[in-house]
Amino acid sequence: MTHKISLMAFGHASSLLISISFVLCVLFGLLFPQNTMCEAWQPLLPGFDWLSWQSFFLGLVESYMYGWFITLIWVPLYNFFGSKAK
């Protein structure tokens, strides 16, 4: 029995997971400025700087794109090796 993962479903799900995580981290940083997590995001998101509207939306778009980057590598590999397993 083989089960293939939908590229579109996994892409949107993983992209939303990373984007929602980014938004929650920004909200956490606004609520608790002494414990901000911007140092963790800045190396991963080129152009992201704490915190302006432009930087926030850039980080949000880049987070979404990272989800698709992961998807475009992981799903084809899973589907390939999953079809070989018995």
PDB file of N, CA and C in Angstrom:
ATOM      1  N   MET A   1       0.846  -1.180   0.000  1.00  0.00           N
ATOM      2  CA  MET A   1       0.000   0.000   0.000  1.00  0.00           C
ATOM      3  C   MET A   1       0.891   1.243   0.000  1.00  0.00           C
ATOM      4  N   THR A   2       0.718   2.061  -0.986  1.00  0.00           N
ATOM      5  CA  THR A   2       1.472   3.316  -1.047  1.00  0.00           C
ATOM      6  C   THR A   2       0.512   4.490  -0.910  1.00  0.00           C
ATOM      7  N   HIS A   3       0.998   5.501  -0.268  1.00  0.00           N
ATOM      8  CA  HIS A   3       0.211   6.705  -0.084  1.00  0.00           C
ATOM      9  C   HIS A   3       1.065   7.889  -0.503  1.00  0.00           C
ATOM     10  N   LYS A   4       0.606   8.623  -1.481  1.00  0.00           N
ATOM     11  CA  LYS A   4       1.334   9.805  -1.936  1.00  0.00           C
ATOM     12  C   LYS A   4       0.800  11.035  -1.224  1.00  0.00           C
ATOM     13  N   ILE A   5       1.710  11.925  -0.892  1.00  0.00           N
ATOM     14  CA  ILE A   5       1.342  13.173  -0.228  1.00  0.00           C
ATOM     15  C   ILE A   5       1.091  14.223  -1.302  1.00  0.00           C
ATOM     16  N   SER A   6       0.032  14.987  -1.130  1.00  0.00           N
ATOM     17  CA  SER A   6      -0.294  16.067  -2.049  1.00  0.00           C
ATOM     18  C   SER A   6       0.698  17.218  -1.869  1.00  0.00           C
ATOM     19  N   LEU A   7       1.321  17.612  -2.951  1.00  0.00           N
ATOM     20  CA  LEU A   7       2.284  18.711  -2.915  1.00  0.00           C
ATOM     21  C   LEU A   7       1.609  20.011  -2.487  1.00  0.00           C
ATOM     22  N   MET A   8       0.437  20.288  -3.027  1.00  0.00           N
ATOM     23  CA  MET A   8      -0.257  21.542  -2.705  1.00  0.00           C
ATOM     24  C   MET A   8      -0.692  21.583  -1.243  1.00  0.00           C
ATOM     25  N   ALA A   9      -1.275  20.499  -0.760  1.00  0.00           N
ATOM     26  CA  ALA A   9      -1.752  20.464   0.624  1.00  0.00           C
ATOM     27  C   ALA A   9      -0.587  20.596   1.598  1.00  0.00           C
ATOM     28  N   PHE A  10       0.466  19.843   1.370  1.00  0.00           N
ATOM     29  CA  PHE A  10       1.617  19.903   2.266  1.00  0.00           C
ATOM     30  C   PHE A  10       2.303  21.261   2.174  1.00  0.00           C
ATOM     31  N   GLY A  11       2.358  21.826   0.972  1.00  0.00           N
ATOM     32  CA  GLY A  11       2.995  23.137   0.797  1.00  0.00           C
ATOM     33  C   GLY A  11       2.290  24.229   1.571  1.00  0.00           C
ATOM     34  N   HIS A  12       0.985  24.285   1.438  1.00  0.00           N
ATOM     35  CA  HIS A  12       0.244  25.313   2.172  1.00  0.00           C
ATOM     36  C   HIS A  12       0.285  25.060   3.678  1.00  0.00           C
ATOM     37  N   ALA A  13       0.192  23.802   4.092  1.00  0.00           N
ATOM     38  CA  ALA A  13       0.210  23.486   5.525  1.00  0.00           C
ATOM     39  C   ALA A  13       1.549  23.844   6.160  1.00  0.00           C
ATOM     40  N   SER A  14       2.639  23.465   5.525  1.00  0.00           N
ATOM     41  CA  SER A  14       3.950  23.768   6.103  1.00  0.00           C
ATOM     42  C   SER A  14       4.247  25.266   6.042  1.00  0.00           C
ATOM     43  N   SER A  15       3.823  25.926   4.978  1.00  0.00           N
ATOM     44  CA  SER A  15       4.032  27.372   4.877  1.00  0.00           C
ATOM     45  C   SER A  15       3.241  28.125   5.937  1.00  0.00           C
ATOM     46  N   LEU A  16       2.010  27.706   6.162  1.00  0.00           N
ATOM     47  CA  LEU A  16       1.207  28.347   7.204  1.00  0.00           C
ATOM     48  C   LEU A  16       1.763  28.057   8.591  1.00  0.00           C
ATOM     49  N   LEU A  17       2.266  26.859   8.822  1.00  0.00           N
ATOM     50  CA  LEU A  17       2.865  26.541  10.110  1.00  0.00           C
ATOM     51  C   LEU A  17       4.035  27.481  10.409  1.00  0.00           C
ATOM     52  N   ILE A  18       4.920  27.661   9.458  1.00  0.00           N
ATOM     53  CA  ILE A  18       6.078  28.531   9.679  1.00  0.00           C
ATOM     54  C   ILE A  18       5.647  29.989   9.784  1.00  0.00           C
ATOM     55  N   SER A  19       4.696  30.420   8.967  1.00  0.00           N
ATOM     56  CA  SER A  19       4.218  31.802   9.025  1.00  0.00           C
ATOM     57  C   SER A  19       3.519  32.109  10.342  1.00  0.00           C
ATOM     58  N   ILE A  20       2.688  31.192  10.802  1.00  0.00           N
ATOM     59  CA  ILE A  20       2.004  31.388  12.087  1.00  0.00           C
ATOM     60  C   ILE A  20       3.015  31.406  13.222  1.00  0.00           C
ATOM     61  N   SER A  21       4.027  30.561  13.153  1.00  0.00           N
ATOM     62  CA  SER A  21       5.085  30.567  14.164  1.00  0.00           C
ATOM     63  C   SER A  21       5.805  31.911  14.186  1.00  0.00           C
ATOM     64  N   PHE A  22       6.076  32.464  13.004  1.00  0.00           N
ATOM     65  CA  PHE A  22       6.721  33.766  12.907  1.00  0.00           C
ATOM     66  C   PHE A  22       5.859  34.849  13.557  1.00  0.00           C
ATOM     67  N   VAL A  23       4.561  34.863  13.249  1.00  0.00           N
ATOM     68  CA  VAL A  23       3.651  35.863  13.818  1.00  0.00           C
ATOM     69  C   VAL A  23       3.585  35.712  15.336  1.00  0.00           C
ATOM     70  N   LEU A  24       3.500  34.492  15.826  1.00  0.00           N
ATOM     71  CA  LEU A  24       3.454  34.272  17.274  1.00  0.00           C
ATOM     72  C   LEU A  24       4.743  34.739  17.952  1.00  0.00           C
ATOM     73  N   CYS A  25       5.876  34.517  17.303  1.00  0.00           N
ATOM     74  CA  CYS A  25       7.148  34.983  17.863  1.00  0.00           C
ATOM     75  C   CYS A  25       7.210  36.509  17.898  1.00  0.00           C
ATOM     76  N   VAL A  26       6.700  37.158  16.863  1.00  0.00           N
ATOM     77  CA  VAL A  26       6.679  38.629  16.843  1.00  0.00           C
ATOM     78  C   VAL A  26       5.754  39.140  17.942  1.00  0.00           C
ATOM     79  N   LEU A  27       4.579  38.545  18.082  1.00  0.00           N
ATOM     80  CA  LEU A  27       3.656  38.953  19.144  1.00  0.00           C
ATOM     81  C   LEU A  27       4.273  38.734  20.524  1.00  0.00           C
ATOM     82  N   PHE A  28       4.938  37.615  20.699  1.00  0.00           N
ATOM     83  CA  PHE A  28       5.614  37.342  21.967  1.00  0.00           C
ATOM     84  C   PHE A  28       6.664  38.409  22.246  1.00  0.00           C
ATOM     85  N   GLY A  29       7.412  38.788  21.206  1.00  0.00           N
ATOM     86  CA  GLY A  29       8.432  39.825  21.359  1.00  0.00           C
ATOM     87  C   GLY A  29       7.851  41.189  21.686  1.00  0.00           C
ATOM     88  N   LEU A  30       6.670  41.472  21.169  1.00  0.00           N
ATOM     89  CA  LEU A  30       6.012  42.744  21.493  1.00  0.00           C
ATOM     90  C   LEU A  30       5.473  42.737  22.924  1.00  0.00           C
ATOM     91  N   LEU A  31       4.979  41.603  23.375  1.00  0.00           N
ATOM     92  CA  LEU A  31       4.454  41.496  24.736  1.00  0.00           C
ATOM     93  C   LEU A  31       5.567  41.434  25.775  1.00  0.00           C
ATOM     94  N   PHE A  32       6.662  40.787  25.437  1.00  0.00           N
ATOM     95  CA  PHE A  32       7.783  40.616  26.362  1.00  0.00           C
ATOM     96  C   PHE A  32       9.077  41.061  25.671  1.00  0.00           C
ATOM     97  N   PRO A  33       9.306  42.372  25.571  1.00  0.00           N
ATOM     98  CA  PRO A  33      10.462  42.884  24.809  1.00  0.00           C
ATOM     99  C   PRO A  33      11.814  42.400  25.332  1.00  0.00           C
ATOM    100  N   GLN A  34      11.904  42.051  26.609  1.00  0.00           N
ATOM    101  CA  GLN A  34      13.171  41.564  27.148  1.00  0.00           C
ATOM    102  C   GLN A  34      13.479  40.139  26.690  1.00  0.00           C
ATOM    103  N   ASN A  35      12.473  39.443  26.179  1.00  0.00           N
ATOM    104  CA  ASN A  35      12.654  38.060  25.713  1.00  0.00           C
ATOM    105  C   ASN A  35      12.375  37.908  24.220  1.00  0.00           C
ATOM    106  N   THR A  36      12.666  38.905  23.449  1.00  0.00           N
ATOM    107  CA  THR A  36      12.359  38.870  22.022  1.00  0.00           C
ATOM    108  C   THR A  36      13.139  37.759  21.308  1.00  0.00           C
ATOM    109  N   MET A  37      12.535  37.206  20.261  1.00  0.00           N
ATOM    110  CA  MET A  37      13.151  36.116  19.509  1.00  0.00           C
ATOM    111  C   MET A  37      13.666  36.585  18.146  1.00  0.00           C
ATOM    112  N   CYS A  38      13.827  37.896  17.993  1.00  0.00           N
ATOM    113  CA  CYS A  38      14.251  38.397  16.675  1.00  0.00           C
ATOM    114  C   CYS A  38      15.646  37.912  16.306  1.00  0.00           C
ATOM    115  N   GLU A  39      16.493  37.638  17.297  1.00  0.00           N
ATOM    116  CA  GLU A  39      17.840  37.147  16.991  1.00  0.00           C
ATOM    117  C   GLU A  39      17.797  35.779  16.309  1.00  0.00           C
ATOM    118  N   ALA A  40      16.759  35.010  16.591  1.00  0.00           N
ATOM    119  CA  ALA A  40      16.621  33.703  15.950  1.00  0.00           C
ATOM    120  C   ALA A  40      16.141  33.827  14.510  1.00  0.00           C
ATOM    121  N   TRP A  41      15.305  34.825  14.233  1.00  0.00           N
ATOM    122  CA  TRP A  41      14.733  34.979  12.894  1.00  0.00           C
ATOM    123  C   TRP A  41      15.644  35.756  11.944  1.00  0.00           C
ATOM    124  N   GLN A  42      16.419  36.700  12.461  1.00  0.00           N
ATOM    125  CA  GLN A  42      17.214  37.563  11.580  1.00  0.00           C
ATOM    126  C   GLN A  42      18.189  36.815  10.673  1.00  0.00           C
ATOM    127  N   PRO A  43      18.906  35.795  11.151  1.00  0.00           N
ATOM    128  CA  PRO A  43      19.798  35.069  10.223  1.00  0.00           C
ATOM    129  C   PRO A  43      19.042  34.274   9.155  1.00  0.00           C
ATOM    130  N   LEU A  44      17.799  33.894   9.442  1.00  0.00           N
ATOM    131  CA  LEU A  44      17.022  33.079   8.509  1.00  0.00           C
ATOM    132  C   LEU A  44      16.252  33.897   7.485  1.00  0.00           C
ATOM    133  N   LEU A  45      15.930  35.140   7.829  1.00  0.00           N
ATOM    134  CA  LEU A  45      15.081  35.967   6.974  1.00  0.00           C
ATOM    135  C   LEU A  45      15.851  37.207   6.511  1.00  0.00           C
ATOM    136  N   PRO A  46      16.431  37.165   5.324  1.00  0.00           N
ATOM    137  CA  PRO A  46      17.188  38.315   4.824  1.00  0.00           C
ATOM    138  C   PRO A  46      16.312  39.569   4.751  1.00  0.00           C
ATOM    139  N   GLY A  47      16.809  40.659   5.296  1.00  0.00           N
ATOM    140  CA  GLY A  47      16.082  41.921   5.255  1.00  0.00           C
ATOM    141  C   GLY A  47      15.181  42.147   6.454  1.00  0.00           C
ATOM    142  N   PHE A  48      14.970  41.108   7.280  1.00  0.00           N
ATOM    143  CA  PHE A  48      14.116  41.254   8.463  1.00  0.00           C
ATOM    144  C   PHE A  48      14.889  41.977   9.544  1.00  0.00           C
ATOM    145  N   ASP A  49      14.278  43.036  10.053  1.00  0.00           N
ATOM    146  CA  ASP A  49      14.875  43.824  11.131  1.00  0.00           C
ATOM    147  C   ASP A  49      13.769  44.123  12.132  1.00  0.00           C
ATOM    148  N   TRP A  50      14.067  44.131  13.384  1.00  0.00           N
ATOM    149  CA  TRP A  50      13.059  44.344  14.433  1.00  0.00           C
ATOM    150  C   TRP A  50      12.757  45.805  14.549  1.00  0.00           C
ATOM    151  N   LEU A  51      11.605  46.292  14.436  1.00  0.00           N
ATOM    152  CA  LEU A  51      10.402  45.798  13.835  1.00  0.00           C
ATOM    153  C   LEU A  51       9.734  46.992  13.169  1.00  0.00           C
ATOM    154  N   SER A  52       9.468  46.879  11.932  1.00  0.00           N
ATOM    155  CA  SER A  52       8.660  47.843  11.183  1.00  0.00           C
ATOM    156  C   SER A  52       7.630  47.039  10.398  1.00  0.00           C
ATOM    157  N   TRP A  53       6.621  47.740   9.879  1.00  0.00           N
ATOM    158  CA  TRP A  53       5.587  47.041   9.101  1.00  0.00           C
ATOM    159  C   TRP A  53       6.177  46.383   7.865  1.00  0.00           C
ATOM    160  N   GLN A  54       7.077  47.093   7.194  1.00  0.00           N
ATOM    161  CA  GLN A  54       7.698  46.528   5.985  1.00  0.00           C
ATOM    162  C   GLN A  54       8.499  45.278   6.337  1.00  0.00           C
ATOM    163  N   SER A  55       9.245  45.348   7.421  1.00  0.00           N
ATOM    164  CA  SER A  55      10.054  44.220   7.850  1.00  0.00           C
ATOM    165  C   SER A  55       9.177  43.046   8.280  1.00  0.00           C
ATOM    166  N   PHE A  56       8.074  43.329   8.964  1.00  0.00           N
ATOM    167  CA  PHE A  56       7.156  42.279   9.389  1.00  0.00           C
ATOM    168  C   PHE A  56       6.577  41.542   8.185  1.00  0.00           C
ATOM    169  N   PHE A  57       6.091  42.290   7.190  1.00  0.00           N
ATOM    170  CA  PHE A  57       5.496  41.643   6.011  1.00  0.00           C
ATOM    171  C   PHE A  57       6.546  40.916   5.173  1.00  0.00           C
ATOM    172  N   LEU A  58       7.754  41.454   5.127  1.00  0.00           N
ATOM    173  CA  LEU A  58       8.835  40.747   4.439  1.00  0.00           C
ATOM    174  C   LEU A  58       9.125  39.423   5.144  1.00  0.00           C
ATOM    175  N   GLY A  59       9.208  39.440   6.468  1.00  0.00           N
ATOM    176  CA  GLY A  59       9.425  38.220   7.235  1.00  0.00           C
ATOM    177  C   GLY A  59       8.303  37.217   7.051  1.00  0.00           C
ATOM    178  N   LEU A  60       7.082  37.727   6.964  1.00  0.00           N
ATOM    179  CA  LEU A  60       5.923  36.854   6.762  1.00  0.00           C
ATOM    180  C   LEU A  60       5.991  36.168   5.392  1.00  0.00           C
ATOM    181  N   VAL A  61       6.314  36.926   4.371  1.00  0.00           N
ATOM    182  CA  VAL A  61       6.432  36.361   3.017  1.00  0.00           C
ATOM    183  C   VAL A  61       7.587  35.363   2.959  1.00  0.00           C
ATOM    184  N   GLU A  62       8.719  35.720   3.545  1.00  0.00           N
ATOM    185  CA  GLU A  62       9.863  34.811   3.525  1.00  0.00           C
ATOM    186  C   GLU A  62       9.574  33.537   4.311  1.00  0.00           C
ATOM    187  N   SER A  63       8.851  33.646   5.417  1.00  0.00           N
ATOM    188  CA  SER A  63       8.461  32.466   6.192  1.00  0.00           C
ATOM    189  C   SER A  63       7.594  31.541   5.353  1.00  0.00           C
ATOM    190  N   TYR A  64       6.649  32.126   4.638  1.00  0.00           N
ATOM    191  CA  TYR A  64       5.773  31.335   3.778  1.00  0.00           C
ATOM    192  C   TYR A  64       6.580  30.633   2.680  1.00  0.00           C
ATOM    193  N   MET A  65       7.536  31.345   2.136  1.00  0.00           N
ATOM    194  CA  MET A  65       8.371  30.767   1.080  1.00  0.00           C
ATOM    195  C   MET A  65       9.238  29.621   1.608  1.00  0.00           C
ATOM    196  N   TYR A  66       9.700  29.716   2.853  1.00  0.00           N
ATOM    197  CA  TYR A  66      10.468  28.622   3.446  1.00  0.00           C
ATOM    198  C   TYR A  66       9.636  27.349   3.524  1.00  0.00           C
ATOM    199  N   GLY A  67       8.362  27.482   3.811  1.00  0.00           N
ATOM    200  CA  GLY A  67       7.484  26.312   3.830  1.00  0.00           C
ATOM    201  C   GLY A  67       7.450  25.620   2.482  1.00  0.00           C
ATOM    202  N   TRP A  68       7.397  26.399   1.421  1.00  0.00           N
ATOM    203  CA  TRP A  68       7.392  25.815   0.078  1.00  0.00           C
ATOM    204  C   TRP A  68       8.759  25.245  -0.285  1.00  0.00           C
ATOM    205  N   PHE A  69       9.811  25.862   0.179  1.00  0.00           N
ATOM    206  CA  PHE A  69      11.156  25.334  -0.059  1.00  0.00           C
ATOM    207  C   PHE A  69      11.273  23.933   0.543  1.00  0.00           C
ATOM    208  N   ILE A  70      10.835  23.788   1.788  1.00  0.00           N
ATOM    209  CA  ILE A  70      10.863  22.485   2.449  1.00  0.00           C
ATOM    210  C   ILE A  70       9.979  21.490   1.704  1.00  0.00           C
ATOM    211  N   THR A  71       8.797  21.931   1.314  1.00  0.00           N
ATOM    212  CA  THR A  71       7.846  21.061   0.618  1.00  0.00           C
ATOM    213  C   THR A  71       8.404  20.547  -0.690  1.00  0.00           C
ATOM    214  N   LEU A  72       9.002  21.422  -1.477  1.00  0.00           N
ATOM    215  CA  LEU A  72       9.481  21.038  -2.806  1.00  0.00           C
ATOM    216  C   LEU A  72      10.647  20.061  -2.745  1.00  0.00           C
ATOM    217  N   ILE A  73      11.278  19.958  -1.592  1.00  0.00           N
ATOM    218  CA  ILE A  73      12.328  18.950  -1.418  1.00  0.00           C
ATOM    219  C   ILE A  73      11.761  17.691  -0.767  1.00  0.00           C
ATOM    220  N   TRP A  74      10.999  17.847   0.309  1.00  0.00           N
ATOM    221  CA  TRP A  74      10.566  16.716   1.127  1.00  0.00           C
ATOM    222  C   TRP A  74       9.498  15.856   0.460  1.00  0.00           C
ATOM    223  N   VAL A  75       8.478  16.458  -0.114  1.00  0.00           N
ATOM    224  CA  VAL A  75       7.359  15.681  -0.666  1.00  0.00           C
ATOM    225  C   VAL A  75       7.796  14.778  -1.824  1.00  0.00           C
ATOM    226  N   PRO A  76       8.542  15.271  -2.802  1.00  0.00           N
ATOM    227  CA  PRO A  76       8.969  14.345  -3.864  1.00  0.00           C
ATOM    228  C   PRO A  76       9.842  13.197  -3.325  1.00  0.00           C
ATOM    229  N   LEU A  77      10.699  13.504  -2.347  1.00  0.00           N
ATOM    230  CA  LEU A  77      11.514  12.435  -1.761  1.00  0.00           C
ATOM    231  C   LEU A  77      10.642  11.408  -1.048  1.00  0.00           C
ATOM    232  N   TYR A  78       9.682  11.885  -0.272  1.00  0.00           N
ATOM    233  CA  TYR A  78       8.776  10.972   0.428  1.00  0.00           C
ATOM    234  C   TYR A  78       7.983  10.127  -0.564  1.00  0.00           C
ATOM    235  N   ASN A  79       7.432  10.760  -1.578  1.00  0.00           N
ATOM    236  CA  ASN A  79       6.641  10.030  -2.557  1.00  0.00           C
ATOM    237  C   ASN A  79       7.477   9.017  -3.327  1.00  0.00           C
ATOM    238  N   PHE A  80       8.727   9.368  -3.606  1.00  0.00           N
ATOM    239  CA  PHE A  80       9.609   8.443  -4.315  1.00  0.00           C
ATOM    240  C   PHE A  80       9.932   7.234  -3.450  1.00  0.00           C
ATOM    241  N   PHE A  81      10.400   7.489  -2.230  1.00  0.00           N
ATOM    242  CA  PHE A  81      10.797   6.373  -1.370  1.00  0.00           C
ATOM    243  C   PHE A  81       9.581   5.630  -0.833  1.00  0.00           C
ATOM    244  N   GLY A  82       8.451   6.313  -0.658  1.00  0.00           N
ATOM    245  CA  GLY A  82       7.236   5.647  -0.221  1.00  0.00           C
ATOM    246  C   GLY A  82       6.703   4.685  -1.269  1.00  0.00           C
ATOM    247  N   SER A  83       6.913   5.012  -2.540  1.00  0.00           N
ATOM    248  CA  SER A  83       6.436   4.111  -3.597  1.00  0.00           C
ATOM    249  C   SER A  83       7.322   2.874  -3.709  1.00  0.00           C
ATOM    250  N   LYS A  84       8.560   2.932  -3.204  1.00  0.00           N
ATOM    251  CA  LYS A  84       9.478   1.791  -3.250  1.00  0.00           C
ATOM    252  C   LYS A  84       9.278   0.857  -2.068  1.00  0.00           C
ATOM    253  N   ALA A  85       8.707   1.376  -0.965  1.00  0.00           N
ATOM    254  CA  ALA A  85       8.545   0.553   0.241  1.00  0.00           C
ATOM    255  C   ALA A  85       7.403  -0.445   0.055  1.00  0.00           C
ATOM    256  N   LYS A  86       7.573  -1.602   0.659  1.00  0.00           N
ATOM    257  CA  LYS A  86       6.515  -2.630   0.568  1.00  0.00           C
ATOM    258  C   LYS A  86       6.137  -3.097   1.930  1.00  0.00           C
TER     259      LYS A  86
END
